[in-house]
C-alpha atoms as a PDB file:
ATOM      1  CA  MET A   1      67.729-131.697 -71.657  1.00  0.00           C
ATOM      2  CA  PRO A   2      69.112-130.667 -75.049  1.00  0.00           C
ATOM      3  CA  PHE A   3      66.720-129.652 -77.791  1.00  0.00           C
ATOM      4  CA  ILE A   4      66.375-132.426 -80.387  1.00  0.00           C
ATOM      5  CA  PHE A   5      65.563-131.124 -83.845  1.00  0.00           C
ATOM      6  CA  HIS A   6      62.687-132.777 -85.711  1.00  0.00           C
ATOM      7  CA  ARG A   7      62.808-130.321 -88.512  1.00  0.00           C
ATOM      8  CA  ILE A   8      61.675-129.787 -92.079  1.00  0.00           C
ATOM      9  CA  ASN A   9      63.513-127.692 -94.651  1.00  0.00           C
ATOM     10  CA  PHE A  10      61.433-125.202 -96.606  1.00  0.00           C
ATOM     11  CA  PRO A  11      62.759-123.643 -99.853  1.00  0.00           C
ATOM     12  CA  TYR A  12      61.288-120.245 -99.048  1.00  0.00           C
ATOM     13  CA  PHE A  13      63.206-118.176-101.558  1.00  0.00           C
ATOM     14  CA  TRP A  14      61.646-119.977-104.523  1.00  0.00           C
ATOM     15  CA  TYR A  15      58.141-120.123-103.030  1.00  0.00           C
ATOM     16  CA  THR A  16      57.681-116.931-101.058  1.00  0.00           C
ATOM     17  CA  ASP A  17      53.910-116.963-101.506  1.00  0.00           C
ATOM     18  CA  LYS A  18      53.649-120.361 -99.805  1.00  0.00           C
ATOM     19  CA  GLY A  19      55.743-119.626 -96.721  1.00  0.00           C
ATOM     20  CA  SER A  20      53.076-118.469 -94.290  1.00  0.00           C
ATOM     21  CA  ALA A  21      50.701-121.357 -94.906  1.00  0.00           C
ATOM     22  CA  ALA A  22      53.509-123.915 -95.035  1.00  0.00           C
ATOM     23  CA  THR A  23      54.796-122.849 -91.617  1.00  0.00           C
ATOM     24  CA  GLY A  24      51.491-123.784 -90.005  1.00  0.00           C
ATOM     25  CA  GLN A  25      51.266-126.978 -92.030  1.00  0.00           C
ATOM     26  CA  MET A  26      54.733-128.093 -90.981  1.00  0.00           C
ATOM     27  CA  LYS A  27      53.794-127.411 -87.373  1.00  0.00           C
ATOM     28  CA  ALA A  28      50.646-129.484 -87.847  1.00  0.00           C
ATOM     29  CA  SER A  29      52.826-132.363 -89.080  1.00  0.00           C
ATOM     30  CA  ASN A  30      54.436-132.237 -85.608  1.00  0.00           C
ATOM     31  CA  ALA A  31      57.744-130.685 -86.641  1.00  0.00           C
ATOM     32  CA  ASN A  32      59.286-128.652 -83.821  1.00  0.00           C
ATOM     33  CA  SER A  33      61.434-126.460 -86.051  1.00  0.00           C
ATOM     34  CA  VAL A  34      61.892-125.302 -89.632  1.00  0.00           C
ATOM     35  CA  ARG A  35      64.956-124.425 -91.703  1.00  0.00           C
ATOM     36  CA  THR A  36      64.267-121.712 -94.259  1.00  0.00           C
ATOM     37  CA  VAL A  37      66.184-120.814 -97.443  1.00  0.00           C
ATOM     38  CA  LEU A  38      67.232-117.154 -97.894  1.00  0.00           C
ATOM     39  CA  SER A  39      69.201-115.331-100.588  1.00  0.00           C
ATOM     40  CA  THR A  40      71.675-112.488-100.133  1.00  0.00           C
ATOM     41  CA  GLY A  41      71.282-111.144-103.661  1.00  0.00           C
ATOM     42  CA  CYS A  42      74.633-112.594-104.732  1.00  0.00           C
ATOM     43  CA  ARG A  43      73.180-115.476-106.704  1.00  0.00           C
ATOM     44  CA  TRP A  44      69.439-114.932-106.519  1.00  0.00           C
ATOM     45  CA  THR A  45      67.208-111.962-105.667  1.00  0.00           C
ATOM     46  CA  LYS A  46      67.848-110.736-102.136  1.00  0.00           C
ATOM     47  CA  THR A  47      65.402-111.693 -99.402  1.00  0.00           C
ATOM     48  CA  GLU A  48      64.251-108.396 -97.931  1.00  0.00           C
ATOM     49  CA  TYR A  49      64.410-107.721 -94.219  1.00  0.00           C
ATOM     50  CA  ASN A  50      60.671-107.200 -93.818  1.00  0.00           C
ATOM     51  CA  VAL A  51      60.174-110.727 -95.163  1.00  0.00           C
ATOM     52  CA  ILE A  52      62.612-112.064 -92.572  1.00  0.00           C
ATOM     53  CA  ASN A  53      60.613-110.310 -89.869  1.00  0.00           C
ATOM     54  CA  ASP A  54      57.484-112.059 -91.152  1.00  0.00           C
ATOM     55  CA  MET A  55      59.246-115.442 -91.115  1.00  0.00           C
ATOM     56  CA  ILE A  56      60.323-114.964 -87.518  1.00  0.00           C
ATOM     57  CA  SER A  57      56.828-113.898 -86.501  1.00  0.00           C
ATOM     58  CA  ALA A  58      55.224-116.914 -88.205  1.00  0.00           C
ATOM     59  CA  ALA A  59      57.670-119.324 -86.582  1.00  0.00           C
ATOM     60  CA  ARG A  60      57.120-117.863 -83.124  1.00  0.00           C
ATOM     61  CA  THR A  61      53.338-117.918 -83.582  1.00  0.00           C
ATOM     62  CA  ASN A  62      53.554-121.606 -84.460  1.00  0.00           C
ATOM     63  CA  LYS A  63      56.037-122.298 -81.650  1.00  0.00           C
ATOM     64  CA  LEU A  64      58.752-123.443 -84.037  1.00  0.00           C
ATOM     65  CA  VAL A  65      62.474-122.877 -83.641  1.00  0.00           C
ATOM     66  CA  LEU A  66      63.569-121.138 -86.851  1.00  0.00           C
ATOM     67  CA  VAL A  67      66.855-121.816 -88.623  1.00  0.00           C
ATOM     68  CA  LEU A  68      67.593-119.159 -91.235  1.00  0.00           C
ATOM     69  CA  GLU A  69      70.155-120.177 -93.856  1.00  0.00           C
ATOM     70  CA  VAL A  70      71.840-118.307 -96.695  1.00  0.00           C
ATOM     71  CA  HIS A  71      71.739-120.510 -99.784  1.00  0.00           C
ATOM     72  CA  ASP A  72      73.997-118.537-102.159  1.00  0.00           C
ATOM     73  CA  THR A  73      77.120-120.187-100.737  1.00  0.00           C
ATOM     74  CA  THR A  74      76.112-123.641-101.987  1.00  0.00           C
ATOM     75  CA  GLY A  75      79.044-125.406-103.617  1.00  0.00           C
ATOM     76  CA  TYR A  76      81.439-122.447-103.524  1.00  0.00           C
ATOM     77  CA  GLY A  77      84.603-123.129-105.503  1.00  0.00           C
ATOM     78  CA  GLU A  78      82.847-125.615-107.738  1.00  0.00           C
ATOM     79  CA  GLN A  79      79.444-124.080-108.447  1.00  0.00           C
ATOM     80  CA  ALA A  80      79.520-121.056-110.749  1.00  0.00           C
ATOM     81  CA  GLY A  81      78.094-117.953-109.087  1.00  0.00           C
ATOM     82  CA  ALA A  82      78.294-119.288-105.533  1.00  0.00           C
ATOM     83  CA  CYS A  83      79.315-116.765-102.868  1.00  0.00           C
ATOM     84  CA  THR A  84      81.838-116.859-100.057  1.00  0.00           C
ATOM     85  CA  LEU A  85      81.057-117.275 -96.386  1.00  0.00           C
ATOM     86  CA  ALA A  86      82.420-113.750 -95.887  1.00  0.00           C
ATOM     87  CA  HIS A  87      79.734-112.442 -98.239  1.00  0.00           C
ATOM     88  CA  ALA A  88      77.069-114.324 -96.290  1.00  0.00           C
ATOM     89  CA  VAL A  89      78.366-112.887 -93.021  1.00  0.00           C
ATOM     90  CA  ASN A  90      78.014-109.354 -94.368  1.00  0.00           C
ATOM     91  CA  CYS A  91      74.375-110.129 -95.103  1.00  0.00           C
ATOM     92  CA  TRP A  92      73.782-111.445 -91.589  1.00  0.00           C
ATOM     93  CA  VAL A  93      75.308-108.338 -90.081  1.00  0.00           C
ATOM     94  CA  GLY A  94      73.108-106.228 -92.337  1.00  0.00           C
ATOM     95  CA  MET A  95      69.962-107.892 -91.006  1.00  0.00           C
ATOM     96  CA  LYS A  96      71.054-107.529 -87.384  1.00  0.00           C
ATOM     97  CA  ASN A  97      68.072-105.348 -86.443  1.00  0.00           C
ATOM     98  CA  SER A  98      65.714-108.152 -87.471  1.00  0.00           C
ATOM     99  CA  LEU A  99      67.662-110.765 -85.545  1.00  0.00           C
ATOM    100  CA  VAL A 100      68.433-109.081 -82.228  1.00  0.00           C
ATOM    101  CA  GLY A 101      65.805-109.939 -79.642  1.00  0.00           C
ATOM    102  CA  ASN A 102      65.148-113.350 -81.183  1.00  0.00           C
ATOM    103  CA  GLU A 103      68.239-115.094 -79.870  1.00  0.00           C
ATOM    104  CA  LYS A 104      66.213-117.859 -78.186  1.00  0.00           C
ATOM    105  CA  HIS A 105      64.088-118.623 -81.218  1.00  0.00           C
ATOM    106  CA  VAL A 106      66.324-118.078 -84.271  1.00  0.00           C
ATOM    107  CA  ILE A 107      69.463-119.957 -85.282  1.00  0.00           C
ATOM    108  CA  ILE A 108      71.868-118.462 -87.832  1.00  0.00           C
ATOM    109  CA  ASN A 109      72.956-121.094 -90.369  1.00  0.00           C
ATOM    110  CA  ILE A 110      75.760-119.014 -91.884  1.00  0.00           C
ATOM    111  CA  GLY A 111      75.865-120.584 -95.344  1.00  0.00           C
ATOM    112  CA  ASN A 112      74.412-123.672 -96.976  1.00  0.00           C
ATOM    113  CA  GLU A 113      76.993-126.265 -98.131  1.00  0.00           C
ATOM    114  CA  PRO A 114      79.667-123.548 -98.282  1.00  0.00           C
ATOM    115  CA  TYR A 115      82.190-125.497-100.345  1.00  0.00           C
ATOM    116  CA  GLY A 116      81.841-128.009-103.126  1.00  0.00           C
ATOM    117  CA  ASN A 117      84.660-130.512-103.568  1.00  0.00           C
ATOM    118  CA  VAL A 118      87.341-127.939-104.413  1.00  0.00           C
ATOM    119  CA  ASN A 119      89.765-126.350-101.913  1.00  0.00           C
ATOM    120  CA  THR A 120      87.843-127.714 -98.940  1.00  0.00           C
ATOM    121  CA  ALA A 121      90.861-127.170 -96.685  1.00  0.00           C
ATOM    122  CA  ALA A 122      89.935-123.475 -96.632  1.00  0.00           C
ATOM    123  CA  TRP A 123      86.657-124.333 -94.883  1.00  0.00           C
ATOM    124  CA  THR A 124      88.202-124.303 -91.423  1.00  0.00           C
ATOM    125  CA  ALA A 125      89.773-120.833 -91.459  1.00  0.00           C
ATOM    126  CA  ASP A 126      86.824-119.328 -93.336  1.00  0.00           C
ATOM    127  CA  THR A 127      84.324-120.771 -90.880  1.00  0.00           C
ATOM    128  CA  LYS A 128      86.279-119.570 -87.858  1.00  0.00           C
ATOM    129  CA  ALA A 129      86.498-116.081 -89.343  1.00  0.00           C
ATOM    130  CA  ALA A 130      82.775-116.048 -90.135  1.00  0.00           C
ATOM    131  CA  ILE A 131      81.832-117.004 -86.580  1.00  0.00           C
ATOM    132  CA  GLN A 132      84.122-114.420 -85.045  1.00  0.00           C
ATOM    133  CA  THR A 133      82.820-111.647 -87.320  1.00  0.00           C
ATOM    134  CA  LEU A 134      79.236-112.432 -86.312  1.00  0.00           C
ATOM    135  CA  ARG A 135      80.176-112.336 -82.634  1.00  0.00           C
ATOM    136  CA  SER A 136      82.110-109.076 -83.042  1.00  0.00           C
ATOM    137  CA  ALA A 137      78.982-107.598 -84.634  1.00  0.00           C
ATOM    138  CA  GLY A 138      76.996-108.432 -81.505  1.00  0.00           C
ATOM    139  CA  LEU A 139      75.023-111.428 -82.793  1.00  0.00           C
ATOM    140  CA  ARG A 140      74.694-113.840 -79.883  1.00  0.00           C
ATOM    141  CA  HIS A 141      72.435-116.426 -81.498  1.00  0.00           C
ATOM    142  CA  THR A 142      73.239-120.092 -81.785  1.00  0.00           C
ATOM    143  CA  ILE A 143      75.273-120.431 -84.972  1.00  0.00           C
ATOM    144  CA  MET A 144      74.991-123.432 -87.270  1.00  0.00           C
ATOM    145  CA  VAL A 145      77.791-124.275 -89.712  1.00  0.00           C
ATOM    146  CA  ASP A 146      77.462-126.615 -92.683  1.00  0.00           C
ATOM    147  CA  ALA A 147      80.121-129.050 -93.812  1.00  0.00           C
ATOM    148  CA  PRO A 148      82.016-128.753 -97.105  1.00  0.00           C
ATOM    149  CA  ASN A 149      81.770-131.305 -99.929  1.00  0.00           C
ATOM    150  CA  TRP A 150      78.260-130.077-100.702  1.00  0.00           C
ATOM    151  CA  GLY A 151      77.466-130.578 -97.033  1.00  0.00           C
ATOM    152  CA  GLN A 152      78.392-134.259 -96.924  1.00  0.00           C
ATOM    153  CA  ASP A 153      81.937-133.933 -95.549  1.00  0.00           C
ATOM    154  CA  TRP A 154      83.193-137.082 -97.251  1.00  0.00           C
ATOM    155  CA  SER A 155      86.705-135.596 -96.917  1.00  0.00           C
ATOM    156  CA  GLY A 156      86.316-135.415 -93.123  1.00  0.00           C
ATOM    157  CA  THR A 157      87.282-131.738 -93.109  1.00  0.00           C
ATOM    158  CA  MET A 158      84.579-130.649 -90.668  1.00  0.00           C
ATOM    159  CA  ARG A 159      84.825-133.797 -88.585  1.00  0.00           C
ATOM    160  CA  THR A 160      88.572-133.362 -88.127  1.00  0.00           C
ATOM    161  CA  ASN A 161      88.528-129.618 -87.443  1.00  0.00           C
ATOM    162  CA  ALA A 162      85.248-129.231 -85.550  1.00  0.00           C
ATOM    163  CA  ALA A 163      86.848-128.857 -82.116  1.00  0.00           C
ATOM    164  CA  GLY A 164      88.992-125.937 -83.256  1.00  0.00           C
ATOM    165  CA  VAL A 165      86.026-124.262 -84.926  1.00  0.00           C
ATOM    166  CA  PHE A 166      83.924-124.698 -81.799  1.00  0.00           C
ATOM    167  CA  THR A 167      86.522-123.070 -79.554  1.00  0.00           C
ATOM    168  CA  ALA A 168      86.885-120.195 -82.047  1.00  0.00           C
ATOM    169  CA  ASP A 169      83.390-119.138 -80.982  1.00  0.00           C
ATOM    170  CA  PRO A 170      83.841-117.043 -77.813  1.00  0.00           C
ATOM    171  CA  LEU A 171      80.304-118.011 -76.737  1.00  0.00           C
ATOM    172  CA  ARG A 172      80.837-121.738 -77.421  1.00  0.00           C
ATOM    173  CA  ASN A 173      77.414-121.700 -79.042  1.00  0.00           C
ATOM    174  CA  THR A 174      78.017-123.300 -82.449  1.00  0.00           C
ATOM    175  CA  ILE A 175      76.380-126.455 -83.775  1.00  0.00           C
ATOM    176  CA  PHE A 176      77.693-128.481 -86.721  1.00  0.00           C
ATOM    177  CA  SER A 177      75.507-129.636 -89.601  1.00  0.00           C
ATOM    178  CA  VAL A 178      76.203-132.510 -91.985  1.00  0.00           C
ATOM    179  CA  HIS A 179      73.983-133.341 -94.971  1.00  0.00           C
ATOM    180  CA  MET A 180      73.485-137.073 -95.394  1.00  0.00           C
ATOM    181  CA  TYR A 181      72.710-138.056 -98.957  1.00  0.00           C
ATOM    182  CA  GLY A 182      74.505-140.391-101.362  1.00  0.00           C
ATOM    183  CA  VAL A 183      77.648-140.683 -99.224  1.00  0.00           C
ATOM    184  CA  TYR A 184      75.566-142.237 -96.414  1.00  0.00           C
ATOM    185  CA  THR A 185      74.004-145.323 -97.941  1.00  0.00           C
ATOM    186  CA  THR A 186      74.898-147.621 -95.023  1.00  0.00           C
ATOM    187  CA  ALA A 187      74.194-147.602 -91.315  1.00  0.00           C
ATOM    188  CA  SER A 188      77.897-148.003 -90.593  1.00  0.00           C
ATOM    189  CA  SER A 189      78.847-144.809 -92.457  1.00  0.00           C
ATOM    190  CA  ILE A 190      76.239-142.845 -90.502  1.00  0.00           C
ATOM    191  CA  ASN A 191      77.210-144.363 -87.160  1.00  0.00           C
ATOM    192  CA  ALA A 192      80.896-143.666 -87.749  1.00  0.00           C
ATOM    193  CA  TYR A 193      80.288-140.010 -88.533  1.00  0.00           C
ATOM    194  CA  ILE A 194      77.960-139.435 -85.593  1.00  0.00           C
ATOM    195  CA  SER A 195      80.311-141.302 -83.239  1.00  0.00           C
ATOM    196  CA  ALA A 196      83.129-138.894 -84.056  1.00  0.00           C
ATOM    197  CA  PHE A 197      81.079-135.986 -82.695  1.00  0.00           C
ATOM    198  CA  VAL A 198      79.762-137.960 -79.733  1.00  0.00           C
ATOM    199  CA  ASN A 199      83.309-138.900 -78.748  1.00  0.00           C
ATOM    200  CA  ALA A 200      84.460-135.301 -79.157  1.00  0.00           C
ATOM    201  CA  LYS A 201      81.448-134.090 -77.125  1.00  0.00           C
ATOM    202  CA  LEU A 202      80.475-131.657 -79.877  1.00  0.00           C
ATOM    203  CA  PRO A 203      76.949-130.761 -81.028  1.00  0.00           C
ATOM    204  CA  LEU A 204      75.821-132.131 -84.388  1.00  0.00           C
ATOM    205  CA  VAL A 205      72.627-132.125 -86.414  1.00  0.00           C
ATOM    206  CA  VAL A 206      71.873-133.856 -89.700  1.00  0.00           C
ATOM    207  CA  GLY A 207      70.884-130.673 -91.502  1.00  0.00           C
ATOM    208  CA  GLU A 208      69.551-132.330 -94.654  1.00  0.00           C
ATOM    209  CA  PHE A 209      68.722-135.896 -95.666  1.00  0.00           C
ATOM    210  CA  ALA A 210      66.102-137.966 -97.434  1.00  0.00           C
ATOM    211  CA  ASN A 211      65.329-141.639 -97.993  1.00  0.00           C
ATOM    212  CA  THR A 212      66.892-141.587-101.459  1.00  0.00           C
ATOM    213  CA  PHE A 213      69.264-139.424-103.454  1.00  0.00           C
ATOM    214  CA  GLN A 214      69.425-139.473-107.243  1.00  0.00           C
ATOM    215  CA  GLY A 215      68.737-143.173-107.477  1.00  0.00           C
ATOM    216  CA  SER A 216      70.718-144.300-104.424  1.00  0.00           C
ATOM    217  CA  SER A 217      69.077-145.390-101.193  1.00  0.00           C
ATOM    218  CA  VAL A 218      70.022-143.536 -98.014  1.00  0.00           C
ATOM    219  CA  ALA A 219      69.972-145.327 -94.651  1.00  0.00           C
ATOM    220  CA  TYR A 220      67.353-142.849 -93.480  1.00  0.00           C
ATOM    221  CA  GLY A 221      66.146-144.977 -90.553  1.00  0.00           C
ATOM    222  CA  THR A 222      69.615-144.875 -89.023  1.00  0.00           C
ATOM    223  CA  VAL A 223      69.817-141.121 -89.633  1.00  0.00           C
ATOM    224  CA  MET A 224      66.557-140.645 -87.750  1.00  0.00           C
ATOM    225  CA  SER A 225      67.200-142.972 -84.836  1.00  0.00           C
ATOM    226  CA  ASN A 226      70.868-142.204 -84.212  1.00  0.00           C
ATOM    227  CA  SER A 227      70.663-138.462 -84.723  1.00  0.00           C
ATOM    228  CA  LYS A 228      67.866-138.278 -82.136  1.00  0.00           C
ATOM    229  CA  ALA A 229      69.408-140.659 -79.638  1.00  0.00           C
ATOM    230  CA  ARG A 230      73.054-139.651 -79.866  1.00  0.00           C
ATOM    231  CA  VAL A 231      73.334-136.072 -81.146  1.00  0.00           C
ATOM    232  CA  ASN A 232      70.922-133.185 -81.781  1.00  0.00           C
ATOM    233  CA  GLY A 233      68.417-134.561 -84.277  1.00  0.00           C
ATOM    234  CA  TYR A 234      67.683-134.023 -87.935  1.00  0.00           C
ATOM    235  CA  MET A 235      66.161-131.764 -90.598  1.00  0.00           C
ATOM    236  CA  ALA A 236      64.471-133.454 -93.540  1.00  0.00           C
ATOM    237  CA  TRP A 237      64.783-132.049 -97.055  1.00  0.00           C
ATOM    238  CA  SER A 238      62.266-130.728 -98.076  1.00  0.00           C
ATOM    239  CA  TRP A 239      58.584-129.725 -98.029  1.00  0.00           C
ATOM    240  CA  PHE A 240      58.057-129.285-101.792  1.00  0.00           C
ATOM    241  CA  GLY A 241      59.680-127.825-104.898  1.00  0.00           C
ATOM    242  CA  ASN A 242      62.444-130.242-105.895  1.00  0.00           C
ATOM    243  CA  ASN A 243      62.873-130.808-109.624  1.00  0.00           C
ATOM    244  CA  GLY A 244      64.171-133.472-111.992  1.00  0.00           C
ATOM    245  CA  VAL A 245      66.172-136.238-110.346  1.00  0.00           C
ATOM    246  CA  ASP A 246      65.605-134.568-106.964  1.00  0.00           C
ATOM    247  CA  ALA A 247      61.793-134.628-107.203  1.00  0.00           C
ATOM    248  CA  PRO A 248      61.579-137.716-104.886  1.00  0.00           C
ATOM    249  CA  LEU A 249      62.928-135.478-102.078  1.00  0.00           C
ATOM    250  CA  ASP A 250      59.556-133.690-101.837  1.00  0.00           C
ATOM    251  CA  LEU A 251      57.654-134.497 -98.652  1.00  0.00           C
ATOM    252  CA  VAL A 252      54.230-133.510 -99.975  1.00  0.00           C
ATOM    253  CA  ASN A 253      52.635-133.218-103.382  1.00  0.00           C
ATOM    254  CA  ASN A 254      52.001-129.678-104.620  1.00  0.00           C
ATOM    255  CA  PHE A 255      52.247-128.105-101.142  1.00  0.00           C
ATOM    256  CA  ASN A 256      49.319-130.245 -99.946  1.00  0.00           C
ATOM    257  CA  PRO A 257      49.959-131.625 -96.443  1.00  0.00           C
ATOM    258  CA  SER A 258      47.089-134.084 -96.949  1.00  0.00           C
ATOM    259  CA  SER A 259      48.985-135.653 -99.853  1.00  0.00           C
ATOM    260  CA  PRO A 260      52.333-136.917 -98.548  1.00  0.00           C
ATOM    261  CA  THR A 261      54.837-138.536-100.881  1.00  0.00           C
ATOM    262  CA  THR A 262      56.513-141.844-100.092  1.00  0.00           C
ATOM    263  CA  TRP A 263      59.295-139.895 -98.362  1.00  0.00           C
ATOM    264  CA  GLY A 264      56.771-137.724 -96.555  1.00  0.00           C
ATOM    265  CA  SER A 265      54.858-140.688 -95.166  1.00  0.00           C
ATOM    266  CA  LEU A 266      58.067-142.117 -93.727  1.00  0.00           C
ATOM    267  CA  LEU A 267      59.060-138.820 -92.161  1.00  0.00           C
ATOM    268  CA  PHE A 268      55.670-137.864 -90.746  1.00  0.00           C
ATOM    269  CA  LYS A 269      55.474-141.195 -88.941  1.00  0.00           C
ATOM    270  CA  ASP A 270      58.751-140.433 -87.203  1.00  0.00           C
ATOM    271  CA  LEU A 271      57.708-136.876 -86.345  1.00  0.00           C
ATOM    272  CA  THR A 272      55.120-138.273 -83.936  1.00  0.00           C
ATOM    273  CA  THR A 273      57.958-138.521 -81.398  1.00  0.00           C
ATOM    274  CA  ALA A 274      58.950-134.843 -81.709  1.00  0.00           C
ATOM    275  CA  LYS A 275      58.898-132.617 -78.638  1.00  0.00           C
ATOM    276  CA  PRO A 276      58.483-128.823 -78.897  1.00  0.00           C
ATOM    277  CA  SER A 277      61.082-126.468 -77.520  1.00  0.00           C
ATOM    278  CA  THR A 278      60.513-125.662 -73.854  1.00  0.00           C
ATOM    279  CA  LEU A 279      61.201-122.008 -74.753  1.00  0.00           C
ATOM    280  CA  PHE A 280      57.562-121.871 -75.825  1.00  0.00           C
END
């Protein structure tokens, strides 16, 4: 059977001192995996390799599949200071010694939301090139690729070109990730997007979502049910640390797993159905 992600995102880069404890707490909430924010040094201070080793160790100890993602690419082309996928790939290759040997437990999410809403047509060629560079460097992990349009793919760029990107991976071991926020306020919009990947027989995960987004309701129940039943599951954003209009996206209050937010209570109820990876 395929692995179905019941995952929580953790903004590690901004809260490095909380990572170890939070990993165990997320496991205790019944998550079977965690997606962790890293920085290459392009936009924020670089996450050092010894820290990555510690993350991998903590995830394996807690029997969690670990998705490592480079966050500096967020909104490239629209967000000032954002980095290219090629820059992110160079970072992944640089941390190869930390990654090799963990192919069954670590997924490489090349770059978070790697394009904003500008020049999204370049996403396809850039993503193919990134995958092929990682494979040429000897990285055989499952690769995860985020959609453009700040991850939401409202332009359909990833949906339309996913088959070509998948076949560009010589190992055919790439999974697609869409972030479902304000573009996905209705069940029909979610079902239509997921159906496109089901019909194409391509792997898909909802890499980020919440019950609301900046004042708009998200059809989170449909995200949960359909992503589990029809594709490869979901990853909720995020444990704690959101600010301003995004504060409702926190799952717990002040890193306290005994104090879930409204969003956290909804998610933790659904996590009761999660199944751990058989790799453990």
